[in-house]
Amino acid sequence: MKVTHAQVVPWRLRQQSLVPRTDAPVEELVARLAGVQAQVGSAAELTLAVRQKTPRAGAVPSALAARALVRTWAMRGTLHLLPAEGMAAYLALLGAARTWEKPSWQRAFGHMGRRRPPRSTPGCCAGRPVRPCCAAGSRRSATG
């Protein structure tokens, strides 16, 4: 099968939800994109806004406050926005990779010679079971 550049570009734009723009709320877009890199909050907001027909200022902070989105350490050791409904599944999959055991992770994030894995995958619940913590309305997050 031969694929031309002219065929690839529009396909990639559709796959990344860039064309056509949507009326979907930010929570739905984050789910479609399987998470949005959010090390810089304004970059995450822009990532979502360019995909919407009429972006709404403050949509991401509102979704975070409503607990529809969660900002936590996820893929590639960086902060991401994840849909709250699927957060447990994302973190379980990421935890299966046991990233904290890798030498590069230990160099970057290890502390005081501790070599055993954390009690749970890092997330908004900081060591407590994810569902009870989030269901109880905890305001604690992975970022502080």
Protein backbone atom coordinates (compact mmCIF):
# COMPACT_ATOMS: atom_id res chain seq x y z
CA MET A 1 0.00 0.00 0.00
CA LYS A 2 1.40 3.35 -1.00
CA VAL A 3 0.40 6.39 1.03
CA THR A 4 1.22 9.90 -0.07
CA HIS A 5 2.11 12.91 2.05
CA ALA A 6 -1.11 14.54 0.84
CA GLN A 7 -3.07 11.60 2.32
CA VAL A 8 -1.15 11.41 5.59
CA VAL A 9 -1.50 15.06 6.63
CA PRO A 10 -5.33 15.22 6.70
CA TRP A 11 -5.49 11.78 8.35
CA ARG A 12 -3.16 12.91 11.14
CA LEU A 13 -5.14 16.13 11.65
CA ARG A 14 -8.34 14.06 12.06
CA GLN A 15 -6.66 11.53 14.38
CA GLN A 16 -5.40 14.32 16.64
CA SER A 17 -8.89 15.91 16.72
CA LEU A 18 -7.56 19.07 15.09
CA VAL A 19 -9.86 18.93 12.05
CA PRO A 20 -12.77 19.33 12.17
CA ARG A 21 -13.03 21.37 15.35
CA THR A 22 -15.54 20.10 17.87
CA ASP A 23 -18.12 21.33 20.35
CA ALA A 24 -17.00 18.66 22.82
CA PRO A 25 -16.13 19.79 26.35
CA VAL A 26 -12.52 19.59 27.55
CA GLU A 27 -13.24 16.42 29.56
CA GLU A 28 -14.33 14.60 26.42
CA LEU A 29 -11.34 15.84 24.44
CA VAL A 30 -8.91 14.69 27.13
CA ALA A 31 -10.52 11.25 27.01
CA ARG A 32 -10.36 11.13 23.17
CA LEU A 33 -6.68 12.08 23.25
CA ALA A 34 -5.88 9.54 26.01
CA GLY A 35 -4.57 12.32 28.24
CA VAL A 36 -3.04 15.72 27.60
CA GLN A 37 0.47 16.67 28.66
CA ALA A 38 0.07 19.34 31.34
CA GLN A 39 3.50 20.16 32.73
CA VAL A 40 2.65 23.74 31.79
CA GLY A 41 -1.02 24.42 32.51
CA SER A 42 -1.46 27.08 29.83
CA ALA A 43 -0.05 24.71 27.20
CA ALA A 44 -2.63 22.07 28.16
CA GLU A 45 -5.39 24.66 27.88
CA LEU A 46 -4.14 25.72 24.44
CA THR A 47 -3.86 22.07 23.33
CA LEU A 48 -7.56 21.67 24.05
CA ALA A 49 -8.71 25.10 22.87
CA VAL A 50 -7.32 24.67 19.33
CA ARG A 51 -9.53 21.60 18.97
CA GLN A 52 -12.76 23.40 19.90
CA LYS A 53 -15.02 25.55 17.75
CA THR A 54 -15.69 27.94 20.63
CA PRO A 55 -13.17 27.41 23.43
CA ARG A 56 -14.25 28.66 26.85
CA ALA A 57 -11.77 30.53 29.04
CA GLY A 58 -11.26 28.71 32.32
CA ALA A 59 -12.65 25.40 31.06
CA VAL A 60 -9.70 23.35 32.32
CA PRO A 61 -9.60 24.85 35.84
CA SER A 62 -13.39 24.41 36.03
CA ALA A 63 -13.15 20.75 34.98
CA LEU A 64 -10.39 20.20 37.55
CA ALA A 65 -12.47 21.86 40.28
CA ALA A 66 -15.49 19.76 39.31
CA ARG A 67 -13.26 16.66 39.46
CA ALA A 68 -14.07 15.75 35.85
CA LEU A 69 -10.32 15.98 35.07
CA VAL A 70 -7.32 15.07 37.19
CA ARG A 71 -3.81 16.50 36.83
CA THR A 72 -1.29 13.87 37.89
CA TRP A 73 2.07 12.28 37.08
CA ALA A 74 1.44 9.88 34.24
CA MET A 75 3.12 9.06 30.94
CA ARG A 76 6.83 9.81 30.46
CA GLY A 77 7.17 11.00 34.06
CA THR A 78 5.39 14.30 33.39
CA LEU A 79 2.15 15.87 34.53
CA HIS A 80 -0.89 15.05 32.41
CA LEU A 81 -4.57 15.80 32.44
CA LEU A 82 -6.55 12.56 32.59
CA PRO A 83 -10.29 11.98 32.64
CA ALA A 84 -11.34 11.30 36.23
CA GLU A 85 -13.54 8.39 35.15
CA GLY A 86 -10.60 6.55 33.61
CA MET A 87 -7.83 7.68 35.94
CA ALA A 88 -7.61 4.43 37.89
CA ALA A 89 -7.21 2.42 34.67
CA TYR A 90 -4.50 4.74 33.33
CA LEU A 91 -2.53 4.63 36.58
CA ALA A 92 -2.91 0.86 36.89
CA LEU A 93 -1.52 0.39 33.38
CA LEU A 94 1.33 2.80 34.05
CA GLY A 95 2.04 1.13 37.39
CA ALA A 96 2.46 -2.22 35.64
CA ALA A 97 5.57 -0.78 33.94
CA ARG A 98 7.17 -0.32 37.41
CA THR A 99 8.85 2.87 36.20
CA TRP A 100 10.13 3.67 39.70
CA GLU A 101 12.55 0.73 39.45
CA LYS A 102 14.33 2.09 36.38
CA PRO A 103 17.75 3.69 37.02
CA SER A 104 16.75 6.87 35.16
CA TRP A 105 13.70 7.29 37.41
CA GLN A 106 15.78 6.63 40.52
CA ARG A 107 18.32 9.27 39.46
CA ALA A 108 15.63 11.86 38.79
CA PHE A 109 13.10 11.13 41.52
CA GLY A 110 14.64 8.72 44.06
CA HIS A 111 15.38 10.14 47.48
CA MET A 112 17.53 9.26 50.49
CA GLY A 113 18.61 5.89 49.11
CA ARG A 114 15.13 4.38 49.25
CA ARG A 115 15.08 1.51 46.75
CA ARG A 116 11.75 -0.16 47.40
CA PRO A 117 8.75 0.72 45.21
CA PRO A 118 6.14 3.14 46.52
CA ARG A 119 3.07 1.67 48.21
CA SER A 120 0.90 2.66 45.27
CA THR A 121 1.16 4.28 41.90
CA PRO A 122 1.57 8.06 42.37
CA GLY A 123 -1.64 9.96 41.82
CA CYS A 124 -4.08 12.37 43.35
CA CYS A 125 -4.60 10.12 46.35
CA ALA A 126 -0.96 10.04 47.43
CA GLY A 127 -0.74 6.44 48.60
CA ARG A 128 -4.39 5.88 49.53
CA PRO A 129 -6.72 3.67 47.47
CA VAL A 130 -7.83 5.71 44.46
CA ARG A 131 -11.60 5.19 44.49
CA PRO A 132 -12.23 5.77 48.24
CA CYS A 133 -9.96 8.82 48.26
CA CYS A 134 -11.52 10.48 45.24
CA ALA A 135 -15.04 9.44 46.18
CA ALA A 136 -14.56 10.98 49.61
CA GLY A 137 -13.86 14.34 47.97
CA SER A 138 -10.21 14.66 48.96
CA ARG A 139 -8.69 17.93 47.72
CA ARG A 140 -5.16 16.53 47.76
CA SER A 141 -3.45 16.31 44.37
CA ALA A 142 -0.22 15.00 42.98
CA THR A 143 0.97 18.54 42.45
CA GLY A 144 0.42 19.86 45.95
